[in-house]
Amino acid sequence: MTVAQLIEALRQMPSEAVVLLEGDGAFARVAGVNLEKSVTAGLPDEVILSTDAEE
């Protein structure tokens, strides 16, 4: 999924909805978004979603 695809999908959701990330059979709130620039020519940059470690 690209950033543009994610933005479009989120645009269709209620603005007050909480964003959760599923992993290992559990859900956690998304607490941060970071951009990691690619150091290798030809590979895309990556957006990393991080969760709240307290959940």
PDB file of N, CA and C in Angstrom:
ATOM      1  N   MET A   1       0.855  -1.170   0.000  1.00  0.00           N
ATOM      2  CA  MET A   1       0.000   0.000   0.000  1.00  0.00           C
ATOM      3  C   MET A   1       0.901   1.232   0.000  1.00  0.00           C
ATOM      4  N   THR A   2       0.541   2.184  -0.803  1.00  0.00           N
ATOM      5  CA  THR A   2       1.298   3.441  -0.844  1.00  0.00           C
ATOM      6  C   THR A   2       0.670   4.457   0.102  1.00  0.00           C
ATOM      7  N   VAL A   3       1.386   5.541   0.357  1.00  0.00           N
ATOM      8  CA  VAL A   3       0.853   6.614   1.196  1.00  0.00           C
ATOM      9  C   VAL A   3      -0.434   7.168   0.582  1.00  0.00           C
ATOM     10  N   ALA A   4      -0.454   7.345  -0.727  1.00  0.00           N
ATOM     11  CA  ALA A   4      -1.655   7.867  -1.392  1.00  0.00           C
ATOM     12  C   ALA A   4      -2.843   6.930  -1.187  1.00  0.00           C
ATOM     13  N   GLN A   5      -2.620   5.625  -1.274  1.00  0.00           N
ATOM     14  CA  GLN A   5      -3.695   4.656  -1.061  1.00  0.00           C
ATOM     15  C   GLN A   5      -4.180   4.686   0.390  1.00  0.00           C
ATOM     16  N   LEU A   6      -3.249   4.803   1.327  1.00  0.00           N
ATOM     17  CA  LEU A   6      -3.620   4.873   2.743  1.00  0.00           C
ATOM     18  C   LEU A   6      -4.425   6.130   3.032  1.00  0.00           C
ATOM     19  N   ILE A   7      -3.986   7.258   2.512  1.00  0.00           N
ATOM     20  CA  ILE A   7      -4.709   8.514   2.728  1.00  0.00           C
ATOM     21  C   ILE A   7      -6.113   8.413   2.159  1.00  0.00           C
ATOM     22  N   GLU A   8      -6.254   7.853   0.976  1.00  0.00           N
ATOM     23  CA  GLU A   8      -7.580   7.728   0.368  1.00  0.00           C
ATOM     24  C   GLU A   8      -8.474   6.815   1.201  1.00  0.00           C
ATOM     25  N   ALA A   9      -7.943   5.705   1.687  1.00  0.00           N
ATOM     26  CA  ALA A   9      -8.741   4.798   2.520  1.00  0.00           C
ATOM     27  C   ALA A   9      -9.155   5.488   3.814  1.00  0.00           C
ATOM     28  N   LEU A  10      -8.231   6.215   4.440  1.00  0.00           N
ATOM     29  CA  LEU A  10      -8.549   6.918   5.692  1.00  0.00           C
ATOM     30  C   LEU A  10      -9.534   8.064   5.463  1.00  0.00           C
ATOM     31  N   ARG A  11      -9.456   8.690   4.308  1.00  0.00           N
ATOM     32  CA  ARG A  11     -10.355   9.806   3.982  1.00  0.00           C
ATOM     33  C   ARG A  11     -11.825   9.351   3.999  1.00  0.00           C
ATOM     34  N   GLN A  12     -12.054   8.071   3.735  1.00  0.00           N
ATOM     35  CA  GLN A  12     -13.408   7.540   3.696  1.00  0.00           C
ATOM     36  C   GLN A  12     -13.934   7.138   5.077  1.00  0.00           C
ATOM     37  N   MET A  13     -13.081   7.215   6.097  1.00  0.00           N
ATOM     38  CA  MET A  13     -13.451   6.815   7.459  1.00  0.00           C
ATOM     39  C   MET A  13     -13.898   8.030   8.269  1.00  0.00           C
ATOM     40  N   PRO A  14     -14.656   7.799   9.347  1.00  0.00           N
ATOM     41  CA  PRO A  14     -15.027   8.919  10.220  1.00  0.00           C
ATOM     42  C   PRO A  14     -13.780   9.541  10.840  1.00  0.00           C
ATOM     43  N   SER A  15     -13.714  10.867  10.874  1.00  0.00           N
ATOM     44  CA  SER A  15     -12.503  11.551  11.345  1.00  0.00           C
ATOM     45  C   SER A  15     -12.222  11.323  12.825  1.00  0.00           C
ATOM     46  N   GLU A  16     -13.234  10.939  13.601  1.00  0.00           N
ATOM     47  CA  GLU A  16     -13.022  10.711  15.032  1.00  0.00           C
ATOM     48  C   GLU A  16     -12.652   9.253  15.353  1.00  0.00           C
ATOM     49  N   ALA A  17     -12.592   8.398  14.352  1.00  0.00           N
ATOM     50  CA  ALA A  17     -12.248   6.988  14.569  1.00  0.00           C
ATOM     51  C   ALA A  17     -10.781   6.864  15.002  1.00  0.00           C
ATOM     52  N   VAL A  18     -10.501   5.886  15.858  1.00  0.00           N
ATOM     53  CA  VAL A  18      -9.145   5.608  16.325  1.00  0.00           C
ATOM     54  C   VAL A  18      -8.494   4.626  15.354  1.00  0.00           C
ATOM     55  N   VAL A  19      -7.232   4.858  15.019  1.00  0.00           N
ATOM     56  CA  VAL A  19      -6.510   3.980  14.110  1.00  0.00           C
ATOM     57  C   VAL A  19      -5.776   2.921  14.925  1.00  0.00           C
ATOM     58  N   LEU A  20      -6.056   1.650  14.616  1.00  0.00           N
ATOM     59  CA  LEU A  20      -5.431   0.528  15.314  1.00  0.00           C
ATOM     60  C   LEU A  20      -4.584  -0.264  14.339  1.00  0.00           C
ATOM     61  N   LEU A  21      -3.579  -0.936  14.870  1.00  0.00           N
ATOM     62  CA  LEU A  21      -2.725  -1.801  14.076  1.00  0.00           C
ATOM     63  C   LEU A  21      -2.849  -3.203  14.638  1.00  0.00           C
ATOM     64  N   GLU A  22      -3.118  -4.166  13.765  1.00  0.00           N
ATOM     65  CA  GLU A  22      -3.275  -5.549  14.203  1.00  0.00           C
ATOM     66  C   GLU A  22      -1.931  -6.270  14.130  1.00  0.00           C
ATOM     67  N   GLY A  23      -1.645  -7.050  15.158  1.00  0.00           N
ATOM     68  CA  GLY A  23      -0.423  -7.838  15.157  1.00  0.00           C
ATOM     69  C   GLY A  23      -0.450  -8.873  16.249  1.00  0.00           C
ATOM     70  N   ASP A  24      -0.018 -10.080  15.947  1.00  0.00           N
ATOM     71  CA  ASP A  24       0.031 -11.174  16.929  1.00  0.00           C
ATOM     72  C   ASP A  24      -1.312 -11.406  17.612  1.00  0.00           C
ATOM     73  N   GLY A  25      -2.397 -11.269  16.868  1.00  0.00           N
ATOM     74  CA  GLY A  25      -3.723 -11.538  17.402  1.00  0.00           C
ATOM     75  C   GLY A  25      -4.255 -10.469  18.333  1.00  0.00           C
ATOM     76  N   ALA A  26      -3.607  -9.316  18.390  1.00  0.00           N
ATOM     77  CA  ALA A  26      -4.055  -8.224  19.262  1.00  0.00           C
ATOM     78  C   ALA A  26      -4.060  -6.923  18.459  1.00  0.00           C
ATOM     79  N   PHE A  27      -4.641  -5.896  19.036  1.00  0.00           N
ATOM     80  CA  PHE A  27      -4.699  -4.583  18.411  1.00  0.00           C
ATOM     81  C   PHE A  27      -4.006  -3.561  19.309  1.00  0.00           C
ATOM     82  N   ALA A  28      -3.358  -2.575  18.695  1.00  0.00           N
ATOM     83  CA  ALA A  28      -2.725  -1.486  19.436  1.00  0.00           C
ATOM     84  C   ALA A  28      -2.967  -0.184  18.680  1.00  0.00           C
ATOM     85  N   ARG A  29      -3.101   0.905  19.420  1.00  0.00           N
ATOM     86  CA  ARG A  29      -3.290   2.207  18.786  1.00  0.00           C
ATOM     87  C   ARG A  29      -2.024   2.638  18.061  1.00  0.00           C
ATOM     88  N   VAL A  30      -2.211   3.242  16.899  1.00  0.00           N
ATOM     89  CA  VAL A  30      -1.078   3.830  16.189  1.00  0.00           C
ATOM     90  C   VAL A  30      -0.738   5.131  16.909  1.00  0.00           C
ATOM     91  N   ALA A  31       0.521   5.239  17.345  1.00  0.00           N
ATOM     92  CA  ALA A  31       0.945   6.394  18.129  1.00  0.00           C
ATOM     93  C   ALA A  31       1.927   7.289  17.379  1.00  0.00           C
ATOM     94  N   GLY A  32       2.477   6.798  16.288  1.00  0.00           N
ATOM     95  CA  GLY A  32       3.439   7.607  15.549  1.00  0.00           C
ATOM     96  C   GLY A  32       3.582   7.168  14.113  1.00  0.00           C
ATOM     97  N   VAL A  33       4.061   8.099  13.305  1.00  0.00           N
ATOM     98  CA  VAL A  33       4.308   7.849  11.889  1.00  0.00           C
ATOM     99  C   VAL A  33       5.668   8.450  11.560  1.00  0.00           C
ATOM    100  N   ASN A  34       6.556   7.642  10.995  1.00  0.00           N
ATOM    101  CA  ASN A  34       7.898   8.123  10.656  1.00  0.00           C
ATOM    102  C   ASN A  34       8.235   7.771   9.219  1.00  0.00           C
ATOM    103  N   LEU A  35       8.979   8.641   8.580  1.00  0.00           N
ATOM    104  CA  LEU A  35       9.447   8.403   7.219  1.00  0.00           C
ATOM    105  C   LEU A  35      10.898   7.947   7.281  1.00  0.00           C
ATOM    106  N   GLU A  36      11.178   6.812   6.654  1.00  0.00           N
ATOM    107  CA  GLU A  36      12.543   6.300   6.535  1.00  0.00           C
ATOM    108  C   GLU A  36      12.941   6.423   5.073  1.00  0.00           C
ATOM    109  N   LYS A  37      13.879   7.315   4.796  1.00  0.00           N
ATOM    110  CA  LYS A  37      14.354   7.509   3.426  1.00  0.00           C
ATOM    111  C   LYS A  37      15.196   6.314   3.008  1.00  0.00           C
ATOM    112  N   SER A  38      15.005   5.869   1.797  1.00  0.00           N
ATOM    113  CA  SER A  38      15.771   4.747   1.268  1.00  0.00           C
ATOM    114  C   SER A  38      17.212   5.179   1.007  1.00  0.00           C
ATOM    115  N   VAL A  39      18.154   4.355   1.423  1.00  0.00           N
ATOM    116  CA  VAL A  39      19.565   4.643   1.160  1.00  0.00           C
ATOM    117  C   VAL A  39      20.038   3.922  -0.102  1.00  0.00           C
ATOM    118  N   THR A  40      19.174   3.087  -0.670  1.00  0.00           N
ATOM    119  CA  THR A  40      19.515   2.331  -1.866  1.00  0.00           C
ATOM    120  C   THR A  40      18.771   2.901  -3.066  1.00  0.00           C
ATOM    121  N   ALA A  41      19.513   3.268  -4.085  1.00  0.00           N
ATOM    122  CA  ALA A  41      18.896   3.819  -5.294  1.00  0.00           C
ATOM    123  C   ALA A  41      17.910   2.819  -5.882  1.00  0.00           C
ATOM    124  N   GLY A  42      16.744   3.315  -6.257  1.00  0.00           N
ATOM    125  CA  GLY A  42      15.731   2.470  -6.875  1.00  0.00           C
ATOM    126  C   GLY A  42      14.737   1.854  -5.913  1.00  0.00           C
ATOM    127  N   LEU A  43      15.040   1.871  -4.615  1.00  0.00           N
ATOM    128  CA  LEU A  43      14.096   1.350  -3.624  1.00  0.00           C
ATOM    129  C   LEU A  43      13.295   2.514  -3.049  1.00  0.00           C
ATOM    130  N   PRO A  44      12.008   2.294  -2.785  1.00  0.00           N
ATOM    131  CA  PRO A  44      11.171   3.401  -2.305  1.00  0.00           C
ATOM    132  C   PRO A  44      11.443   3.734  -0.837  1.00  0.00           C
ATOM    133  N   ASP A  45      11.121   4.970  -0.465  1.00  0.00           N
ATOM    134  CA  ASP A  45      11.118   5.348   0.947  1.00  0.00           C
ATOM    135  C   ASP A  45      10.035   4.541   1.632  1.00  0.00           C
ATOM    136  N   GLU A  46      10.098   4.455   2.969  1.00  0.00           N
ATOM    137  CA  GLU A  46       9.100   3.695   3.724  1.00  0.00           C
ATOM    138  C   GLU A  46       8.506   4.556   4.825  1.00  0.00           C
ATOM    139  N   VAL A  47       7.220   4.378   5.057  1.00  0.00           N
ATOM    140  CA  VAL A  47       6.535   5.010   6.181  1.00  0.00           C
ATOM    141  C   VAL A  47       6.308   3.931   7.231  1.00  0.00           C
ATOM    142  N   ILE A  48       6.756   4.191   8.452  1.00  0.00           N
ATOM    143  CA  ILE A  48       6.650   3.215   9.530  1.00  0.00           C
ATOM    144  C   ILE A  48       5.644   3.712  10.558  1.00  0.00           C
ATOM    145  N   LEU A  49       4.619   2.885  10.805  1.00  0.00           N
ATOM    146  CA  LEU A  49       3.629   3.185  11.832  1.00  0.00           C
ATOM    147  C   LEU A  49       4.089   2.530  13.125  1.00  0.00           C
ATOM    148  N   SER A  50       4.131   3.297  14.210  1.00  0.00           N
ATOM    149  CA  SER A  50       4.516   2.728  15.497  1.00  0.00           C
ATOM    150  C   SER A  50       3.310   2.739  16.421  1.00  0.00           C
ATOM    151  N   THR A  51       3.314   1.805  17.368  1.00  0.00           N
ATOM    152  CA  THR A  51       2.186   1.674  18.283  1.00  0.00           C
ATOM    153  C   THR A  51       2.531   2.221  19.658  1.00  0.00           C
ATOM    154  N   ASP A  52       1.497   2.407  20.446  1.00  0.00           N
ATOM    155  CA  ASP A  52       1.651   2.834  21.824  1.00  0.00           C
ATOM    156  C   ASP A  52       2.122   1.631  22.626  1.00  0.00           C
ATOM    157  N   ALA A  53       3.319   1.691  23.172  1.00  0.00           N
ATOM    158  CA  ALA A  53       3.905   0.546  23.885  1.00  0.00           C
ATOM    159  C   ALA A  53       3.142   0.195  25.167  1.00  0.00           C
ATOM    160  N   GLU A  54       2.259   1.065  25.619  1.00  0.00           N
ATOM    161  CA  GLU A  54       1.519   0.808  26.845  1.00  0.00           C
ATOM    162  C   GLU A  54       0.338  -0.114  26.640  1.00  0.00           C
ATOM    163  N   GLU A  55      -0.029  -0.389  25.397  1.00  0.00           N
ATOM    164  CA  GLU A  55      -1.193  -1.236  25.143  1.00  0.00           C
ATOM    165  C   GLU A  55      -0.782  -2.657  24.915  1.00  0.00           C
TER     166      GLU A  55
END
